[in-house]
C-alpha atoms as a PDB file:
ATOM      1  CA  MET A   1    -121.605-115.847-190.616  1.00  0.00           C
ATOM      2  CA  TRP A   2    -122.029-116.225-186.852  1.00  0.00           C
ATOM      3  CA  TYR A   3    -119.114-118.653-186.700  1.00  0.00           C
ATOM      4  CA  LEU A   4    -116.897-116.238-188.620  1.00  0.00           C
ATOM      5  CA  THR A   5    -117.882-113.331-186.366  1.00  0.00           C
ATOM      6  CA  TYR A   6    -117.237-115.407-183.243  1.00  0.00           C
ATOM      7  CA  LYS A   7    -113.817-116.533-184.472  1.00  0.00           C
ATOM      8  CA  LEU A   8    -112.832-112.994-185.395  1.00  0.00           C
ATOM      9  CA  PHE A   9    -113.783-111.510-182.023  1.00  0.00           C
ATOM     10  CA  ARG A  10    -112.941-114.564-179.875  1.00  0.00           C
ATOM     11  CA  PRO A  11    -114.889-112.932-176.998  1.00  0.00           C
ATOM     12  CA  ILE A  12    -113.374-114.990-174.178  1.00  0.00           C
ATOM     13  CA  LEU A  13    -109.965-113.430-174.839  1.00  0.00           C
ATOM     14  CA  PRO A  14    -110.863-109.704-174.667  1.00  0.00           C
ATOM     15  CA  VAL A  15    -113.161-110.378-171.704  1.00  0.00           C
ATOM     16  CA  SER A  16    -110.443-112.287-169.837  1.00  0.00           C
ATOM     17  CA  GLY A  17    -107.735-109.777-170.735  1.00  0.00           C
ATOM     18  CA  GLY A  18    -109.855-106.780-169.791  1.00  0.00           C
ATOM     19  CA  LEU A  19    -110.879-108.413-166.525  1.00  0.00           C
ATOM     20  CA  ALA A  20    -107.242-109.170-165.698  1.00  0.00           C
ATOM     21  CA  ALA A  21    -106.246-105.550-166.302  1.00  0.00           C
ATOM     22  CA  TRP A  22    -109.187-104.345-164.185  1.00  0.00           C
ATOM     23  CA  ILE A  23    -108.395-106.643-161.252  1.00  0.00           C
ATOM     24  CA  VAL A  24    -104.670-105.874-161.180  1.00  0.00           C
ATOM     25  CA  SER A  25    -105.221-102.124-161.549  1.00  0.00           C
ATOM     26  CA  GLN A  26    -107.691-102.149-158.677  1.00  0.00           C
ATOM     27  CA  THR A  27    -105.292-104.046-156.427  1.00  0.00           C
ATOM     28  CA  CYS A  28    -102.570-101.551-157.380  1.00  0.00           C
ATOM     29  CA  GLY A  29    -104.646 -98.577-156.250  1.00  0.00           C
ATOM     30  CA  ALA A  30    -106.143 -97.287-159.511  1.00  0.00           C
ATOM     31  CA  ASP A  31    -109.472 -95.458-159.378  1.00  0.00           C
ATOM     32  CA  PHE A  32    -112.548 -96.493-161.378  1.00  0.00           C
ATOM     33  CA  GLN A  33    -111.695 -94.382-164.451  1.00  0.00           C
ATOM     34  CA  LEU A  34    -108.126 -95.671-164.715  1.00  0.00           C
ATOM     35  CA  SER A  35    -109.220 -99.267-164.211  1.00  0.00           C
ATOM     36  CA  LEU A  36    -111.904 -98.920-166.879  1.00  0.00           C
ATOM     37  CA  ALA A  37    -109.403 -97.356-169.289  1.00  0.00           C
ATOM     38  CA  ALA A  38    -106.919-100.167-168.611  1.00  0.00           C
ATOM     39  CA  ALA A  39    -109.598-102.806-169.211  1.00  0.00           C
ATOM     40  CA  LEU A  40    -110.761-101.181-172.464  1.00  0.00           C
ATOM     41  CA  THR A  41    -107.191-100.731-173.691  1.00  0.00           C
ATOM     42  CA  VAL A  42    -106.544-104.433-173.233  1.00  0.00           C
ATOM     43  CA  ALA A  43    -109.932-105.531-174.609  1.00  0.00           C
ATOM     44  CA  PHE A  44    -109.660-103.470-177.799  1.00  0.00           C
ATOM     45  CA  GLY A  45    -106.016-104.441-178.205  1.00  0.00           C
ATOM     46  CA  THR A  46    -106.959-108.113-177.974  1.00  0.00           C
ATOM     47  CA  ILE A  47    -109.747-107.742-180.542  1.00  0.00           C
ATOM     48  CA  GLY A  48    -107.372-105.838-182.824  1.00  0.00           C
ATOM     49  CA  ALA A  49    -104.811-108.623-182.509  1.00  0.00           C
ATOM     50  CA  SER A  50    -107.450-111.209-183.397  1.00  0.00           C
ATOM     51  CA  PHE A  51    -108.541-109.337-186.520  1.00  0.00           C
ATOM     52  CA  TYR A  52    -104.967-108.737-187.638  1.00  0.00           C
ATOM     53  CA  HIS A  53    -104.058-112.343-186.872  1.00  0.00           C
ATOM     54  CA  TYR A  54    -106.886-113.817-188.931  1.00  0.00           C
ATOM     55  CA  GLY A  55    -106.516-111.193-191.644  1.00  0.00           C
ATOM     56  CA  GLY A  56    -102.997-112.489-192.119  1.00  0.00           C
ATOM     57  CA  ALA A  57    -104.376-115.998-192.666  1.00  0.00           C
ATOM     58  CA  ASN A  58    -101.936-117.056-195.351  1.00  0.00           C
ATOM     59  CA  TRP A  59     -99.532-119.977-195.564  1.00  0.00           C
ATOM     60  CA  MET A  60     -98.068-118.989-192.184  1.00  0.00           C
ATOM     61  CA  TYR A  61    -101.263-119.670-190.286  1.00  0.00           C
ATOM     62  CA  ALA A  62    -101.759-123.408-190.621  1.00  0.00           C
ATOM     63  CA  ARG A  63    -105.188-124.486-189.337  1.00  0.00           C
ATOM     64  CA  LYS A  64    -106.661-120.981-189.216  1.00  0.00           C
ATOM     65  CA  SER A  65    -106.127-120.305-192.903  1.00  0.00           C
ATOM     66  CA  GLU A  66    -107.837-123.607-193.695  1.00  0.00           C
ATOM     67  CA  ARG A  67    -110.885-122.926-191.516  1.00  0.00           C
ATOM     68  CA  LEU A  68    -111.490-119.240-192.275  1.00  0.00           C
ATOM     69  CA  GLN A  69    -111.546-117.868-195.791  1.00  0.00           C
ATOM     70  CA  PHE A  70    -111.656-114.164-196.639  1.00  0.00           C
ATOM     71  CA  LYS A  71    -112.127-112.601-200.041  1.00  0.00           C
ATOM     72  CA  ASP A  72    -109.917-109.677-199.027  1.00  0.00           C
ATOM     73  CA  PRO A  73    -107.853-110.473-195.904  1.00  0.00           C
ATOM     74  CA  GLN A  74    -106.087-107.108-196.130  1.00  0.00           C
ATOM     75  CA  VAL A  75    -109.355-105.429-195.136  1.00  0.00           C
ATOM     76  CA  ILE A  76    -109.534-107.607-192.023  1.00  0.00           C
ATOM     77  CA  MET A  77    -105.942-106.678-191.177  1.00  0.00           C
ATOM     78  CA  LEU A  78    -106.741-102.990-191.690  1.00  0.00           C
ATOM     79  CA  ILE A  79    -109.718-103.259-189.335  1.00  0.00           C
ATOM     80  CA  GLY A  80    -107.378-104.869-186.826  1.00  0.00           C
ATOM     81  CA  LEU A  81    -104.976-101.938-187.054  1.00  0.00           C
ATOM     82  CA  VAL A  82    -107.861 -99.468-186.594  1.00  0.00           C
ATOM     83  CA  ILE A  83    -108.958-101.305-183.442  1.00  0.00           C
ATOM     84  CA  PHE A  84    -105.351-101.343-182.251  1.00  0.00           C
ATOM     85  CA  SER A  85    -105.267 -97.580-182.801  1.00  0.00           C
ATOM     86  CA  LEU A  86    -108.381 -97.166-180.657  1.00  0.00           C
ATOM     87  CA  SER A  87    -106.653 -99.127-177.907  1.00  0.00           C
ATOM     88  CA  ILE A  88    -103.633 -96.824-178.075  1.00  0.00           C
ATOM     89  CA  VAL A  89    -105.814 -93.695-178.128  1.00  0.00           C
ATOM     90  CA  ILE A  90    -107.546 -94.787-174.924  1.00  0.00           C
ATOM     91  CA  ALA A  91    -104.156 -95.400-173.306  1.00  0.00           C
ATOM     92  CA  VAL A  92    -102.808 -92.010-174.438  1.00  0.00           C
ATOM     93  CA  GLN A  93    -105.900 -90.171-173.248  1.00  0.00           C
ATOM     94  CA  TRP A  94    -106.360 -91.693-169.794  1.00  0.00           C
ATOM     95  CA  LEU A  95    -103.457 -93.919-168.764  1.00  0.00           C
ATOM     96  CA  PRO A  96     -99.838 -93.355-167.704  1.00  0.00           C
ATOM     97  CA  LYS A  97     -97.232 -93.356-170.448  1.00  0.00           C
ATOM     98  CA  GLN A  98     -95.982 -96.808-169.419  1.00  0.00           C
ATOM     99  CA  CYS A  99     -99.357 -98.234-170.462  1.00  0.00           C
ATOM    100  CA  VAL A 100     -99.067 -96.459-173.810  1.00  0.00           C
ATOM    101  CA  TYR A 101     -95.683 -98.078-174.380  1.00  0.00           C
ATOM    102  CA  ILE A 102     -97.119-101.508-173.593  1.00  0.00           C
ATOM    103  CA  ALA A 103    -100.051-100.957-175.980  1.00  0.00           C
ATOM    104  CA  LEU A 104     -97.606 -99.890-178.695  1.00  0.00           C
ATOM    105  CA  PHE A 105     -95.467-102.956-177.984  1.00  0.00           C
ATOM    106  CA  ASN A 106     -98.499-105.204-178.450  1.00  0.00           C
ATOM    107  CA  THR A 107     -99.290-103.664-181.842  1.00  0.00           C
ATOM    108  CA  ILE A 108     -95.711-103.965-183.072  1.00  0.00           C
ATOM    109  CA  ALA A 109     -95.324-107.481-181.668  1.00  0.00           C
ATOM    110  CA  VAL A 110     -98.491-108.800-183.345  1.00  0.00           C
ATOM    111  CA  ALA A 111     -97.551-107.205-186.683  1.00  0.00           C
ATOM    112  CA  ALA A 112     -94.021-108.623-186.450  1.00  0.00           C
ATOM    113  CA  TYR A 113     -95.441-112.003-185.438  1.00  0.00           C
ATOM    114  CA  SER A 114     -97.587-112.050-188.560  1.00  0.00           C
ATOM    115  CA  ALA A 115     -94.719-110.988-190.799  1.00  0.00           C
ATOM    116  CA  LYS A 116     -91.803-113.033-189.462  1.00  0.00           C
ATOM    117  CA  LEU A 117     -91.626-113.925-185.760  1.00  0.00           C
ATOM    118  CA  SER A 118     -94.050-116.845-185.985  1.00  0.00           C
ATOM    119  CA  SER A 119     -91.754-118.679-188.389  1.00  0.00           C
ATOM    120  CA  HIS A 120     -89.462-120.009-185.621  1.00  0.00           C
ATOM    121  CA  TRP A 121     -90.385-121.496-182.259  1.00  0.00           C
ATOM    122  CA  ILE A 122     -88.069-119.272-180.194  1.00  0.00           C
ATOM    123  CA  THR A 123     -89.483-115.942-181.372  1.00  0.00           C
ATOM    124  CA  LYS A 124     -92.994-117.372-181.837  1.00  0.00           C
ATOM    125  CA  ASN A 125     -93.463-118.747-178.342  1.00  0.00           C
ATOM    126  CA  LEU A 126     -91.602-115.935-176.576  1.00  0.00           C
ATOM    127  CA  THR A 127     -93.617-113.251-178.374  1.00  0.00           C
ATOM    128  CA  MET A 128     -96.965-114.843-177.533  1.00  0.00           C
ATOM    129  CA  SER A 129     -96.090-115.456-173.879  1.00  0.00           C
ATOM    130  CA  LEU A 130     -95.014-111.825-173.481  1.00  0.00           C
ATOM    131  CA  VAL A 131     -98.052-110.402-175.272  1.00  0.00           C
ATOM    132  CA  CYS A 132    -100.421-112.566-173.206  1.00  0.00           C
ATOM    133  CA  ALA A 133     -98.863-111.226-169.990  1.00  0.00           C
ATOM    134  CA  THR A 134     -99.345-107.567-170.956  1.00  0.00           C
ATOM    135  CA  PRO A 135    -102.902-107.277-169.507  1.00  0.00           C
ATOM    136  CA  VAL A 136    -101.315-107.769-166.086  1.00  0.00           C
ATOM    137  CA  ALA A 137     -98.576-105.265-166.925  1.00  0.00           C
ATOM    138  CA  ILE A 138    -101.055-102.623-168.094  1.00  0.00           C
ATOM    139  CA  GLY A 139    -103.181-103.093-164.978  1.00  0.00           C
ATOM    140  CA  TRP A 140    -100.069-102.802-162.813  1.00  0.00           C
ATOM    141  CA  GLN A 141     -98.869 -99.604-164.485  1.00  0.00           C
ATOM    142  CA  ALA A 142    -102.361 -98.067-164.348  1.00  0.00           C
ATOM    143  CA  GLY A 143    -102.151 -98.084-160.549  1.00  0.00           C
ATOM    144  CA  HIS A 144     -99.818 -96.141-158.279  1.00  0.00           C
ATOM    145  CA  LEU A 145     -98.360 -98.994-156.215  1.00  0.00           C
ATOM    146  CA  THR A 146     -97.013-102.513-156.680  1.00  0.00           C
ATOM    147  CA  HIS A 147     -99.234-105.089-155.024  1.00  0.00           C
ATOM    148  CA  PRO A 148     -97.582-108.414-154.027  1.00  0.00           C
ATOM    149  CA  ILE A 149     -99.870-110.216-156.441  1.00  0.00           C
ATOM    150  CA  VAL A 150     -98.231-108.607-159.505  1.00  0.00           C
ATOM    151  CA  PRO A 151     -95.104-110.808-159.869  1.00  0.00           C
ATOM    152  CA  TRP A 152     -97.186-113.945-159.310  1.00  0.00           C
ATOM    153  CA  ALA A 153     -99.758-112.859-161.898  1.00  0.00           C
ATOM    154  CA  LEU A 154     -97.081-112.004-164.470  1.00  0.00           C
ATOM    155  CA  ALA A 155     -95.293-115.324-164.007  1.00  0.00           C
ATOM    156  CA  ILE A 156     -98.511-117.372-164.128  1.00  0.00           C
ATOM    157  CA  ALA A 157     -99.721-115.602-167.274  1.00  0.00           C
ATOM    158  CA  MET A 158     -96.399-116.022-169.101  1.00  0.00           C
ATOM    159  CA  LEU A 159     -95.777-119.668-168.186  1.00  0.00           C
ATOM    160  CA  ALA A 160     -99.377-120.793-168.761  1.00  0.00           C
ATOM    161  CA  HIS A 161     -99.512-119.223-172.215  1.00  0.00           C
ATOM    162  CA  LEU A 162     -96.037-120.514-173.083  1.00  0.00           C
ATOM    163  CA  SER A 163     -97.290-124.019-172.281  1.00  0.00           C
ATOM    164  CA  ARG A 164    -100.428-123.390-174.317  1.00  0.00           C
ATOM    165  CA  GLU A 165     -98.379-122.320-177.359  1.00  0.00           C
ATOM    166  CA  MET A 166     -96.307-125.509-177.127  1.00  0.00           C
ATOM    167  CA  ILE A 167     -99.440-127.640-177.026  1.00  0.00           C
ATOM    168  CA  LYS A 168    -100.882-125.829-180.043  1.00  0.00           C
ATOM    169  CA  ASP A 169     -97.640-126.437-181.940  1.00  0.00           C
ATOM    170  CA  VAL A 170     -97.924-130.161-181.243  1.00  0.00           C
ATOM    171  CA  LYS A 171    -101.449-130.223-182.654  1.00  0.00           C
ATOM    172  CA  ASP A 172    -100.352-128.162-185.666  1.00  0.00           C
ATOM    173  CA  ILE A 173     -97.169-130.075-186.445  1.00  0.00           C
ATOM    174  CA  ILE A 174     -98.472-131.475-189.738  1.00  0.00           C
ATOM    175  CA  ALA A 175    -100.018-128.208-190.899  1.00  0.00           C
ATOM    176  CA  ASN A 176     -96.866-126.302-189.900  1.00  0.00           C
ATOM    177  CA  ASN A 177     -94.519-128.638-191.782  1.00  0.00           C
ATOM    178  CA  GLY A 178     -92.591-126.618-194.345  1.00  0.00           C
ATOM    179  CA  ARG A 179     -94.104-123.384-193.061  1.00  0.00           C
ATOM    180  CA  ARG A 180     -92.629-122.926-189.595  1.00  0.00           C
ATOM    181  CA  VAL A 181     -89.912-124.406-187.432  1.00  0.00           C
ATOM    182  CA  THR A 182     -91.747-125.264-184.217  1.00  0.00           C
ATOM    183  CA  LEU A 183     -90.432-126.930-181.076  1.00  0.00           C
ATOM    184  CA  PRO A 184     -92.111-130.328-181.735  1.00  0.00           C
ATOM    185  CA  MET A 185     -90.179-130.500-185.014  1.00  0.00           C
ATOM    186  CA  VAL A 186     -86.948-130.099-183.062  1.00  0.00           C
ATOM    187  CA  LEU A 187     -87.584-132.191-179.933  1.00  0.00           C
ATOM    188  CA  GLY A 188     -90.489-134.418-180.946  1.00  0.00           C
ATOM    189  CA  THR A 189     -94.112-134.221-179.824  1.00  0.00           C
ATOM    190  CA  ASP A 190     -93.805-136.392-176.719  1.00  0.00           C
ATOM    191  CA  ARG A 191     -90.910-134.380-175.292  1.00  0.00           C
ATOM    192  CA  VAL A 192     -92.686-131.077-175.954  1.00  0.00           C
ATOM    193  CA  LEU A 193     -95.874-132.294-174.274  1.00  0.00           C
ATOM    194  CA  GLN A 194     -93.800-133.254-171.240  1.00  0.00           C
ATOM    195  CA  ILE A 195     -92.179-129.814-171.142  1.00  0.00           C
ATOM    196  CA  ALA A 196     -95.580-128.130-171.495  1.00  0.00           C
ATOM    197  CA  GLY A 197     -96.966-130.313-168.711  1.00  0.00           C
ATOM    198  CA  SER A 198     -94.027-129.463-166.459  1.00  0.00           C
ATOM    199  CA  LEU A 199     -94.695-125.764-166.994  1.00  0.00           C
ATOM    200  CA  LEU A 200     -98.360-126.267-166.100  1.00  0.00           C
ATOM    201  CA  LEU A 201     -97.347-128.150-162.954  1.00  0.00           C
ATOM    202  CA  ILE A 202     -95.170-125.202-161.931  1.00  0.00           C
ATOM    203  CA  VAL A 203     -98.059-122.829-162.622  1.00  0.00           C
ATOM    204  CA  GLY A 204    -100.404-125.002-160.557  1.00  0.00           C
ATOM    205  CA  VAL A 205     -98.031-124.839-157.586  1.00  0.00           C
ATOM    206  CA  MET A 206     -97.672-121.074-158.008  1.00  0.00           C
ATOM    207  CA  MET A 207    -101.452-120.696-158.015  1.00  0.00           C
ATOM    208  CA  ILE A 208    -101.600-122.124-154.506  1.00  0.00           C
ATOM    209  CA  SER A 209     -99.758-119.003-153.321  1.00  0.00           C
ATOM    210  CA  LEU A 210    -102.710-116.923-154.520  1.00  0.00           C
ATOM    211  CA  LEU A 211    -104.846-118.296-151.692  1.00  0.00           C
ATOM    212  CA  ARG A 212    -103.408-115.651-149.382  1.00  0.00           C
ATOM    213  CA  PHE A 213    -105.018-112.980-151.570  1.00  0.00           C
ATOM    214  CA  THR A 214    -108.485-114.528-151.297  1.00  0.00           C
ATOM    215  CA  GLY A 215    -111.085-113.504-148.731  1.00  0.00           C
ATOM    216  CA  ASN A 216    -114.008-115.921-148.944  1.00  0.00           C
ATOM    217  CA  ILE A 217    -114.943-119.495-149.733  1.00  0.00           C
ATOM    218  CA  PHE A 218    -115.959-118.721-153.345  1.00  0.00           C
ATOM    219  CA  GLN A 219    -112.547-117.261-154.161  1.00  0.00           C
ATOM    220  CA  GLN A 220    -110.767-120.157-152.491  1.00  0.00           C
ATOM    221  CA  THR A 221    -112.926-122.628-154.410  1.00  0.00           C
ATOM    222  CA  MET A 222    -112.034-120.965-157.708  1.00  0.00           C
ATOM    223  CA  VAL A 223    -108.333-121.224-156.897  1.00  0.00           C
ATOM    224  CA  ALA A 224    -108.788-124.878-155.927  1.00  0.00           C
ATOM    225  CA  ILE A 225    -110.577-125.601-159.224  1.00  0.00           C
ATOM    226  CA  ALA A 226    -107.830-123.882-161.225  1.00  0.00           C
ATOM    227  CA  VAL A 227    -105.064-125.734-159.405  1.00  0.00           C
ATOM    228  CA  THR A 228    -106.845-129.063-159.882  1.00  0.00           C
ATOM    229  CA  LEU A 229    -107.356-128.438-163.603  1.00  0.00           C
ATOM    230  CA  PHE A 230    -103.732-127.489-164.154  1.00  0.00           C
ATOM    231  CA  VAL A 231    -102.340-130.414-162.167  1.00  0.00           C
ATOM    232  CA  LEU A 232    -104.593-132.953-163.904  1.00  0.00           C
ATOM    233  CA  THR A 233    -103.734-131.488-167.311  1.00  0.00           C
ATOM    234  CA  ALA A 234    -100.037-131.591-166.433  1.00  0.00           C
ATOM    235  CA  TRP A 235    -100.433-135.273-165.475  1.00  0.00           C
ATOM    236  CA  ARG A 236    -102.080-136.075-168.804  1.00  0.00           C
ATOM    237  CA  LEU A 237     -99.346-134.258-170.716  1.00  0.00           C
ATOM    238  CA  ILE A 238     -96.359-135.622-168.803  1.00  0.00           C
ATOM    239  CA  LEU A 239     -97.372-139.236-168.205  1.00  0.00           C
ATOM    240  CA  ARG A 240     -99.985-140.011-170.840  1.00  0.00           C
ATOM    241  CA  LYS A 241     -98.745-137.546-173.484  1.00  0.00           C
ATOM    242  CA  GLN A 242    -102.311-136.558-174.378  1.00  0.00           C
ATOM    243  CA  ALA A 243    -103.080-132.974-175.368  1.00  0.00           C
ATOM    244  CA  ARG A 244    -106.799-133.179-176.189  1.00  0.00           C
ATOM    245  CA  ARG A 245    -108.647-129.992-175.095  1.00  0.00           C
ATOM    246  CA  SER A 246    -105.630-128.882-173.055  1.00  0.00           C
ATOM    247  CA  GLU A 247    -105.695-125.331-174.449  1.00  0.00           C
ATOM    248  CA  THR A 248    -109.357-124.971-173.475  1.00  0.00           C
ATOM    249  CA  VAL A 249    -108.639-126.239-169.964  1.00  0.00           C
ATOM    250  CA  ILE A 250    -105.777-123.746-169.581  1.00  0.00           C
ATOM    251  CA  THR A 251    -108.010-120.855-170.651  1.00  0.00           C
ATOM    252  CA  PHE A 252    -110.784-121.974-168.281  1.00  0.00           C
ATOM    253  CA  GLY A 253    -108.326-122.409-165.404  1.00  0.00           C
ATOM    254  CA  LEU A 254    -106.950-118.906-165.871  1.00  0.00           C
ATOM    255  CA  PHE A 255    -110.512-117.545-165.964  1.00  0.00           C
ATOM    256  CA  CYS A 256    -111.209-119.270-162.619  1.00  0.00           C
ATOM    257  CA  ILE A 257    -108.197-117.453-161.177  1.00  0.00           C
ATOM    258  CA  LEU A 258    -109.600-114.156-162.430  1.00  0.00           C
ATOM    259  CA  LEU A 259    -112.918-114.919-160.718  1.00  0.00           C
ATOM    260  CA  ALA A 260    -111.028-115.783-157.536  1.00  0.00           C
ATOM    261  CA  LEU A 261    -109.307-112.404-157.485  1.00  0.00           C
ATOM    262  CA  ALA A 262    -112.173-110.268-158.742  1.00  0.00           C
END
């Protein structure tokens, strides 16, 4: 029961997404109420996506459908849509209309991903990288100015999650066979791991530029840890072609960046 609840909520994701929206909105001049609304919009949207994602655990969902079993997955999907609706309501009530559009995009994208987009690597990976960058976009639009950190944050979020999706596809290649057309099926696992590692190396270099937005030794240490993790993971992927725990390292590295900018 506890495992099922944890997997449904995946707390690290709404916490990280909400924190990202909060940090970016604050740097872009939003007041406390707008920043809180942006963070809650992202957090509830992320939880809604998780419920809808697992509720759709059918043949399209490889490992997840094998690990989580629901008597009535449609109920889980419905709960996901209700949580999505709460996210949109918060955006409509307190945030600029651009944030509402982004929240609506997330709902439509996740539903389309479940129905069709996840069946091919182009739409699958592009959709996930865009959706995972929307916390930054919502935080940006919640403010009233464009801070120099915004383009860096958007690029880092998109490229890091694109790499993460590629790594997941490598690990799921057997389970996905006959269900999806993923990039490892087209290029081979070794080549995809090298591409994913190259993306992480680019992200690691980009993270160094964030040092100019830090103000104390703790923040600089967090950036240094994130850069080190990404570079070492890139080395393992490119040269050794090993993907073990890479997704976890990427998530932890991005969380270190959030702590550095908080």
